[in-house]
Amino acid sequence: MKNLQEATERICDLKGSLVAMDALMAALIRVLPAEQRAALRTAFDGNAEVARTVMLHASISELSIAAFERDVERTAALIGS
């Protein structure tokens, strides 16, 4: 990045993209039948655990880990049990 303005614009772009992706995923989850949601929950829990393991061994900020955990909890609640 050439300067702080470019970096700020890129961060805002990434945030907007993330919000759009989040809206899409929430809509997709809501239209899934119960049995597919159950399968998704199992797969999601496993993938989240793998991601936790990777983050433990990576140079990553505590803020990123906290955001990950918050979003995992929110997504798990959206999927249901």
PDB file of N, CA and C in Angstrom:
ATOM      1  N   MET A   1       0.831  -1.170   0.000  1.00  0.00           N
ATOM      2  CA  MET A   1       0.000   0.000   0.000  1.00  0.00           C
ATOM      3  C   MET A   1       0.886   1.247   0.000  1.00  0.00           C
ATOM      4  N   LYS A   2       0.532   2.182  -0.847  1.00  0.00           N
ATOM      5  CA  LYS A   2       1.342   3.392  -0.957  1.00  0.00           C
ATOM      6  C   LYS A   2       1.168   4.317   0.234  1.00  0.00           C
ATOM      7  N   ASN A   3      -0.038   4.345   0.772  1.00  0.00           N
ATOM      8  CA  ASN A   3      -0.254   5.270   1.890  1.00  0.00           C
ATOM      9  C   ASN A   3      -1.417   4.790   2.754  1.00  0.00           C
ATOM     10  N   LEU A   4      -1.628   5.521   3.809  1.00  0.00           N
ATOM     11  CA  LEU A   4      -2.668   5.157   4.759  1.00  0.00           C
ATOM     12  C   LEU A   4      -4.059   5.211   4.129  1.00  0.00           C
ATOM     13  N   GLN A   5      -4.295   6.156   3.228  1.00  0.00           N
ATOM     14  CA  GLN A   5      -5.598   6.266   2.567  1.00  0.00           C
ATOM     15  C   GLN A   5      -5.906   5.005   1.772  1.00  0.00           C
ATOM     16  N   GLU A   6      -4.936   4.507   1.028  1.00  0.00           N
ATOM     17  CA  GLU A   6      -5.138   3.266   0.263  1.00  0.00           C
ATOM     18  C   GLU A   6      -5.426   2.093   1.189  1.00  0.00           C
ATOM     19  N   ALA A   7      -4.693   2.012   2.273  1.00  0.00           N
ATOM     20  CA  ALA A   7      -4.904   0.925   3.230  1.00  0.00           C
ATOM     21  C   ALA A   7      -6.300   1.007   3.832  1.00  0.00           C
ATOM     22  N   THR A   8      -6.726   2.198   4.198  1.00  0.00           N
ATOM     23  CA  THR A   8      -8.060   2.389   4.763  1.00  0.00           C
ATOM     24  C   THR A   8      -9.136   2.008   3.759  1.00  0.00           C
ATOM     25  N   GLU A   9      -8.974   2.414   2.512  1.00  0.00           N
ATOM     26  CA  GLU A   9      -9.944   2.069   1.470  1.00  0.00           C
ATOM     27  C   GLU A   9     -10.011   0.561   1.268  1.00  0.00           C
ATOM     28  N   ARG A  10      -8.883  -0.100   1.301  1.00  0.00           N
ATOM     29  CA  ARG A  10      -8.852  -1.556   1.120  1.00  0.00           C
ATOM     30  C   ARG A  10      -9.533  -2.268   2.285  1.00  0.00           C
ATOM     31  N   ILE A  11      -9.294  -1.802   3.495  1.00  0.00           N
ATOM     32  CA  ILE A  11      -9.948  -2.388   4.669  1.00  0.00           C
ATOM     33  C   ILE A  11     -11.463  -2.224   4.567  1.00  0.00           C
ATOM     34  N   CYS A  12     -11.915  -1.049   4.168  1.00  0.00           N
ATOM     35  CA  CYS A  12     -13.358  -0.808   4.007  1.00  0.00           C
ATOM     36  C   CYS A  12     -13.935  -1.707   2.920  1.00  0.00           C
ATOM     37  N   ASP A  13     -13.203  -1.900   1.839  1.00  0.00           N
ATOM     38  CA  ASP A  13     -13.642  -2.782   0.757  1.00  0.00           C
ATOM     39  C   ASP A  13     -13.782  -4.219   1.268  1.00  0.00           C
ATOM     40  N   LEU A  14     -12.801  -4.670   2.013  1.00  0.00           N
ATOM     41  CA  LEU A  14     -12.848  -6.019   2.567  1.00  0.00           C
ATOM     42  C   LEU A  14     -14.012  -6.184   3.545  1.00  0.00           C
ATOM     43  N   LYS A  15     -14.264  -5.182   4.359  1.00  0.00           N
ATOM     44  CA  LYS A  15     -15.385  -5.246   5.304  1.00  0.00           C
ATOM     45  C   LYS A  15     -16.709  -5.352   4.564  1.00  0.00           C
ATOM     46  N   GLY A  16     -16.868  -4.552   3.521  1.00  0.00           N
ATOM     47  CA  GLY A  16     -18.101  -4.607   2.733  1.00  0.00           C
ATOM     48  C   GLY A  16     -18.293  -5.962   2.085  1.00  0.00           C
ATOM     49  N   SER A  17     -17.223  -6.528   1.557  1.00  0.00           N
ATOM     50  CA  SER A  17     -17.293  -7.854   0.948  1.00  0.00           C
ATOM     51  C   SER A  17     -17.655  -8.907   1.980  1.00  0.00           C
ATOM     52  N   LEU A  18     -17.100  -8.792   3.159  1.00  0.00           N
ATOM     53  CA  LEU A  18     -17.386  -9.749   4.228  1.00  0.00           C
ATOM     54  C   LEU A  18     -18.849  -9.680   4.665  1.00  0.00           C
ATOM     55  N   VAL A  19     -19.388  -8.489   4.768  1.00  0.00           N
ATOM     56  CA  VAL A  19     -20.795  -8.342   5.157  1.00  0.00           C
ATOM     57  C   VAL A  19     -21.703  -8.945   4.088  1.00  0.00           C
ATOM     58  N   ALA A  20     -21.381  -8.728   2.818  1.00  0.00           N
ATOM     59  CA  ALA A  20     -22.182  -9.308   1.733  1.00  0.00           C
ATOM     60  C   ALA A  20     -22.118 -10.837   1.769  1.00  0.00           C
ATOM     61  N   MET A  21     -20.947 -11.393   1.996  1.00  0.00           N
ATOM     62  CA  MET A  21     -20.789 -12.843   2.083  1.00  0.00           C
ATOM     63  C   MET A  21     -21.549 -13.393   3.287  1.00  0.00           C
ATOM     64  N   ASP A  22     -21.523 -12.673   4.389  1.00  0.00           N
ATOM     65  CA  ASP A  22     -22.242 -13.085   5.580  1.00  0.00           C
ATOM     66  C   ASP A  22     -23.747 -13.116   5.315  1.00  0.00           C
ATOM     67  N   ALA A  23     -24.259 -12.133   4.633  1.00  0.00           N
ATOM     68  CA  ALA A  23     -25.686 -12.103   4.299  1.00  0.00           C
ATOM     69  C   ALA A  23     -26.062 -13.276   3.400  1.00  0.00           C
ATOM     70  N   LEU A  24     -25.219 -13.586   2.440  1.00  0.00           N
ATOM     71  CA  LEU A  24     -25.469 -14.715   1.550  1.00  0.00           C
ATOM     72  C   LEU A  24     -25.482 -16.027   2.324  1.00  0.00           C
ATOM     73  N   MET A  25     -24.490 -16.236   3.176  1.00  0.00           N
ATOM     74  CA  MET A  25     -24.420 -17.483   3.934  1.00  0.00           C
ATOM     75  C   MET A  25     -25.623 -17.637   4.869  1.00  0.00           C
ATOM     76  N   ALA A  26     -26.040 -16.551   5.503  1.00  0.00           N
ATOM     77  CA  ALA A  26     -27.205 -16.618   6.394  1.00  0.00           C
ATOM     78  C   ALA A  26     -28.453 -17.008   5.611  1.00  0.00           C
ATOM     79  N   ALA A  27     -28.617 -16.450   4.424  1.00  0.00           N
ATOM     80  CA  ALA A  27     -29.775 -16.790   3.596  1.00  0.00           C
ATOM     81  C   ALA A  27     -29.731 -18.254   3.161  1.00  0.00           C
ATOM     82  N   LEU A  28     -28.564 -18.714   2.765  1.00  0.00           N
ATOM     83  CA  LEU A  28     -28.427 -20.117   2.347  1.00  0.00           C
ATOM     84  C   LEU A  28     -28.734 -21.075   3.495  1.00  0.00           C
ATOM     85  N   ILE A  29     -28.238 -20.763   4.670  1.00  0.00           N
ATOM     86  CA  ILE A  29     -28.474 -21.626   5.830  1.00  0.00           C
ATOM     87  C   ILE A  29     -29.963 -21.688   6.152  1.00  0.00           C
ATOM     88  N   ARG A  30     -30.638 -20.571   6.081  1.00  0.00           N
ATOM     89  CA  ARG A  30     -32.064 -20.523   6.438  1.00  0.00           C
ATOM     90  C   ARG A  30     -32.941 -21.369   5.533  1.00  0.00           C
ATOM     91  N   VAL A  31     -32.535 -21.580   4.291  1.00  0.00           N
ATOM     92  CA  VAL A  31     -33.380 -22.348   3.367  1.00  0.00           C
ATOM     93  C   VAL A  31     -33.041 -23.836   3.350  1.00  0.00           C
ATOM     94  N   LEU A  32     -32.031 -24.242   4.097  1.00  0.00           N
ATOM     95  CA  LEU A  32     -31.674 -25.661   4.146  1.00  0.00           C
ATOM     96  C   LEU A  32     -32.681 -26.456   4.967  1.00  0.00           C
ATOM     97  N   PRO A  33     -33.013 -27.665   4.516  1.00  0.00           N
ATOM     98  CA  PRO A  33     -33.845 -28.554   5.341  1.00  0.00           C
ATOM     99  C   PRO A  33     -33.096 -28.959   6.616  1.00  0.00           C
ATOM    100  N   ALA A  34     -33.848 -29.389   7.609  1.00  0.00           N
ATOM    101  CA  ALA A  34     -33.279 -29.716   8.926  1.00  0.00           C
ATOM    102  C   ALA A  34     -32.152 -30.744   8.845  1.00  0.00           C
ATOM    103  N   GLU A  35     -32.312 -31.797   8.044  1.00  0.00           N
ATOM    104  CA  GLU A  35     -31.269 -32.827   7.977  1.00  0.00           C
ATOM    105  C   GLU A  35     -29.982 -32.290   7.349  1.00  0.00           C
ATOM    106  N   GLN A  36     -30.110 -31.387   6.404  1.00  0.00           N
ATOM    107  CA  GLN A  36     -28.910 -30.791   5.819  1.00  0.00           C
ATOM    108  C   GLN A  36     -28.259 -29.802   6.772  1.00  0.00           C
ATOM    109  N   ARG A  37     -29.071 -29.128   7.565  1.00  0.00           N
ATOM    110  CA  ARG A  37     -28.505 -28.238   8.586  1.00  0.00           C
ATOM    111  C   ARG A  37     -27.707 -29.038   9.613  1.00  0.00           C
ATOM    112  N   ALA A  38     -28.217 -30.201   9.982  1.00  0.00           N
ATOM    113  CA  ALA A  38     -27.501 -31.048  10.944  1.00  0.00           C
ATOM    114  C   ALA A  38     -26.152 -31.479  10.378  1.00  0.00           C
ATOM    115  N   ALA A  39     -26.139 -31.868   9.116  1.00  0.00           N
ATOM    116  CA  ALA A  39     -24.884 -32.262   8.477  1.00  0.00           C
ATOM    117  C   ALA A  39     -23.936 -31.063   8.366  1.00  0.00           C
ATOM    118  N   LEU A  40     -24.501 -29.901   8.049  1.00  0.00           N
ATOM    119  CA  LEU A  40     -23.690 -28.686   7.974  1.00  0.00           C
ATOM    120  C   LEU A  40     -23.085 -28.362   9.326  1.00  0.00           C
ATOM    121  N   ARG A  41     -23.862 -28.504  10.388  1.00  0.00           N
ATOM    122  CA  ARG A  41     -23.370 -28.206  11.732  1.00  0.00           C
ATOM    123  C   ARG A  41     -22.191 -29.098  12.092  1.00  0.00           C
ATOM    124  N   THR A  42     -22.294 -30.381  11.769  1.00  0.00           N
ATOM    125  CA  THR A  42     -21.197 -31.312  12.052  1.00  0.00           C
ATOM    126  C   THR A  42     -19.938 -30.914  11.283  1.00  0.00           C
ATOM    127  N   ALA A  43     -20.109 -30.623  10.009  1.00  0.00           N
ATOM    128  CA  ALA A  43     -18.959 -30.229   9.174  1.00  0.00           C
ATOM    129  C   ALA A  43     -18.388 -28.897   9.648  1.00  0.00           C
ATOM    130  N   PHE A  44     -19.251 -27.960   9.982  1.00  0.00           N
ATOM    131  CA  PHE A  44     -18.798 -26.641  10.445  1.00  0.00           C
ATOM    132  C   PHE A  44     -18.006 -26.749  11.742  1.00  0.00           C
ATOM    133  N   ASP A  45     -18.527 -27.535  12.688  1.00  0.00           N
ATOM    134  CA  ASP A  45     -17.819 -27.712  13.961  1.00  0.00           C
ATOM    135  C   ASP A  45     -16.419 -28.287  13.736  1.00  0.00           C
ATOM    136  N   GLY A  46     -16.322 -29.260  12.850  1.00  0.00           N
ATOM    137  CA  GLY A  46     -15.015 -29.852  12.555  1.00  0.00           C
ATOM    138  C   GLY A  46     -14.067 -28.858  11.897  1.00  0.00           C
ATOM    139  N   ASN A  47     -14.587 -28.107  10.947  1.00  0.00           N
ATOM    140  CA  ASN A  47     -13.741 -27.120  10.263  1.00  0.00           C
ATOM    141  C   ASN A  47     -13.315 -25.992  11.193  1.00  0.00           C
ATOM    142  N   ALA A  48     -14.212 -25.586  12.091  1.00  0.00           N
ATOM    143  CA  ALA A  48     -13.864 -24.542  13.054  1.00  0.00           C
ATOM    144  C   ALA A  48     -12.754 -25.019  13.983  1.00  0.00           C
ATOM    145  N   GLU A  49     -12.808 -26.280  14.376  1.00  0.00           N
ATOM    146  CA  GLU A  49     -11.756 -26.823  15.244  1.00  0.00           C
ATOM    147  C   GLU A  49     -10.409 -26.876  14.531  1.00  0.00           C
ATOM    148  N   VAL A  50     -10.424 -27.242  13.267  1.00  0.00           N
ATOM    149  CA  VAL A  50      -9.179 -27.236  12.478  1.00  0.00           C
ATOM    150  C   VAL A  50      -8.632 -25.807  12.392  1.00  0.00           C
ATOM    151  N   ALA A  51      -9.514 -24.846  12.145  1.00  0.00           N
ATOM    152  CA  ALA A  51      -9.075 -23.450  12.057  1.00  0.00           C
ATOM    153  C   ALA A  51      -8.473 -22.980  13.374  1.00  0.00           C
ATOM    154  N   ARG A  52      -9.072 -23.384  14.496  1.00  0.00           N
ATOM    155  CA  ARG A  52      -8.512 -23.027  15.813  1.00  0.00           C
ATOM    156  C   ARG A  52      -7.090 -23.563  15.957  1.00  0.00           C
ATOM    157  N   THR A  53      -6.902 -24.800  15.552  1.00  0.00           N
ATOM    158  CA  THR A  53      -5.576 -25.413  15.654  1.00  0.00           C
ATOM    159  C   THR A  53      -4.566 -24.665  14.796  1.00  0.00           C
ATOM    160  N   VAL A  54      -4.970 -24.306  13.604  1.00  0.00           N
ATOM    161  CA  VAL A  54      -4.075 -23.554  12.716  1.00  0.00           C
ATOM    162  C   VAL A  54      -3.724 -22.207  13.328  1.00  0.00           C
ATOM    163  N   MET A  55      -4.728 -21.531  13.889  1.00  0.00           N
ATOM    164  CA  MET A  55      -4.466 -20.212  14.474  1.00  0.00           C
ATOM    165  C   MET A  55      -3.567 -20.280  15.701  1.00  0.00           C
ATOM    166  N   LEU A  56      -3.625 -21.381  16.428  1.00  0.00           N
ATOM    167  CA  LEU A  56      -2.747 -21.526  17.592  1.00  0.00           C
ATOM    168  C   LEU A  56      -1.277 -21.528  17.198  1.00  0.00           C
ATOM    169  N   HIS A  57      -1.006 -22.004  15.989  1.00  0.00           N
ATOM    170  CA  HIS A  57       0.378 -22.135  15.539  1.00  0.00           C
ATOM    171  C   HIS A  57       0.760 -21.063  14.523  1.00  0.00           C
ATOM    172  N   ALA A  58      -0.047 -20.031  14.415  1.00  0.00           N
ATOM    173  CA  ALA A  58       0.225 -18.960  13.459  1.00  0.00           C
ATOM    174  C   ALA A  58       0.444 -17.643  14.208  1.00  0.00           C
ATOM    175  N   SER A  59       1.100 -16.759  13.537  1.00  0.00           N
ATOM    176  CA  SER A  59       1.289 -15.419  14.080  1.00  0.00           C
ATOM    177  C   SER A  59       0.036 -14.609  13.753  1.00  0.00           C
ATOM    178  N   ILE A  60      -0.878 -14.557  14.716  1.00  0.00           N
ATOM    179  CA  ILE A  60      -2.162 -13.897  14.494  1.00  0.00           C
ATOM    180  C   ILE A  60      -2.557 -13.159  15.766  1.00  0.00           C
ATOM    181  N   SER A  61      -3.199 -12.029  15.614  1.00  0.00           N
ATOM    182  CA  SER A  61      -3.529 -11.205  16.779  1.00  0.00           C
ATOM    183  C   SER A  61      -4.676 -11.809  17.582  1.00  0.00           C
ATOM    184  N   GLU A  62      -4.703 -11.445  18.847  1.00  0.00           N
ATOM    185  CA  GLU A  62      -5.793 -11.870  19.729  1.00  0.00           C
ATOM    186  C   GLU A  62      -7.128 -11.302  19.246  1.00  0.00           C
ATOM    187  N   LEU A  63      -7.094 -10.129  18.629  1.00  0.00           N
ATOM    188  CA  LEU A  63      -8.324  -9.540  18.096  1.00  0.00           C
ATOM    189  C   LEU A  63      -8.910 -10.411  16.989  1.00  0.00           C
ATOM    190  N   SER A  64      -8.044 -10.954  16.148  1.00  0.00           N
ATOM    191  CA  SER A  64      -8.513 -11.833  15.074  1.00  0.00           C
ATOM    192  C   SER A  64      -9.093 -13.124  15.637  1.00  0.00           C
ATOM    193  N   ILE A  65      -8.453 -13.665  16.640  1.00  0.00           N
ATOM    194  CA  ILE A  65      -8.948 -14.897  17.263  1.00  0.00           C
ATOM    195  C   ILE A  65     -10.296 -14.635  17.934  1.00  0.00           C
ATOM    196  N   ALA A  66     -10.424 -13.515  18.617  1.00  0.00           N
ATOM    197  CA  ALA A  66     -11.693 -13.174  19.276  1.00  0.00           C
ATOM    198  C   ALA A  66     -12.806 -12.995  18.239  1.00  0.00           C
ATOM    199  N   ALA A  67     -12.494 -12.342  17.127  1.00  0.00           N
ATOM    200  CA  ALA A  67     -13.493 -12.158  16.067  1.00  0.00           C
ATOM    201  C   ALA A  67     -13.899 -13.506  15.483  1.00  0.00           C
ATOM    202  N   PHE A  68     -12.929 -14.388  15.295  1.00  0.00           N
ATOM    203  CA  PHE A  68     -13.216 -15.726  14.785  1.00  0.00           C
ATOM    204  C   PHE A  68     -14.171 -16.455  15.724  1.00  0.00           C
ATOM    205  N   GLU A  69     -13.858 -16.456  17.006  1.00  0.00           N
ATOM    206  CA  GLU A  69     -14.691 -17.166  17.978  1.00  0.00           C
ATOM    207  C   GLU A  69     -16.103 -16.583  18.043  1.00  0.00           C
ATOM    208  N   ARG A  70     -16.207 -15.273  17.978  1.00  0.00           N
ATOM    209  CA  ARG A  70     -17.518 -14.625  17.990  1.00  0.00           C
ATOM    210  C   ARG A  70     -18.337 -15.037  16.770  1.00  0.00           C
ATOM    211  N   ASP A  71     -17.706 -15.047  15.599  1.00  0.00           N
ATOM    212  CA  ASP A  71     -18.425 -15.414  14.376  1.00  0.00           C
ATOM    213  C   ASP A  71     -18.753 -16.902  14.329  1.00  0.00           C
ATOM    214  N   VAL A  72     -17.885 -17.733  14.865  1.00  0.00           N
ATOM    215  CA  VAL A  72     -18.182 -19.170  14.929  1.00  0.00           C
ATOM    216  C   VAL A  72     -19.405 -19.400  15.810  1.00  0.00           C
ATOM    217  N   GLU A  73     -19.457 -18.741  16.950  1.00  0.00           N
ATOM    218  CA  GLU A  73     -20.597 -18.889  17.852  1.00  0.00           C
ATOM    219  C   GLU A  73     -21.882 -18.399  17.185  1.00  0.00           C
ATOM    220  N   ARG A  74     -21.812 -17.276  16.511  1.00  0.00           N
ATOM    221  CA  ARG A  74     -22.993 -16.728  15.841  1.00  0.00           C
ATOM    222  C   ARG A  74     -23.461 -17.640  14.710  1.00  0.00           C
ATOM    223  N   THR A  75     -22.515 -18.152  13.932  1.00  0.00           N
ATOM    224  CA  THR A  75     -22.876 -19.037  12.826  1.00  0.00           C
ATOM    225  C   THR A  75     -23.442 -20.356  13.327  1.00  0.00           C
ATOM    226  N   ALA A  76     -22.850 -20.899  14.384  1.00  0.00           N
ATOM    227  CA  ALA A  76     -23.370 -22.140  14.963  1.00  0.00           C
ATOM    228  C   ALA A  76     -24.802 -21.948  15.436  1.00  0.00           C
ATOM    229  N   ALA A  77     -25.094 -20.806  16.036  1.00  0.00           N
ATOM    230  CA  ALA A  77     -26.463 -20.534  16.479  1.00  0.00           C
ATOM    231  C   ALA A  77     -27.405 -20.396  15.290  1.00  0.00           C
ATOM    232  N   LEU A  78     -26.917 -19.816  14.212  1.00  0.00           N
ATOM    233  CA  LEU A  78     -27.738 -19.676  13.011  1.00  0.00           C
ATOM    234  C   LEU A  78     -28.056 -21.037  12.405  1.00  0.00           C
ATOM    235  N   ILE A  79     -27.073 -21.925  12.376  1.00  0.00           N
ATOM    236  CA  ILE A  79     -27.283 -23.263  11.840  1.00  0.00           C
ATOM    237  C   ILE A  79     -28.234 -24.048  12.745  1.00  0.00           C
ATOM    238  N   GLY A  80     -28.061 -23.905  14.042  1.00  0.00           N
ATOM    239  CA  GLY A  80     -28.889 -24.642  14.999  1.00  0.00           C
ATOM    240  C   GLY A  80     -28.217 -25.949  15.391  1.00  0.00           C
ATOM    241  N   SER A  81     -28.886 -26.689  16.261  1.00  0.00           N
ATOM    242  CA  SER A  81     -28.281 -27.947  16.734  1.00  0.00           C
ATOM    243  C   SER A  81     -28.743 -29.126  15.913  1.00  0.00           C
TER     244      SER A  81
END
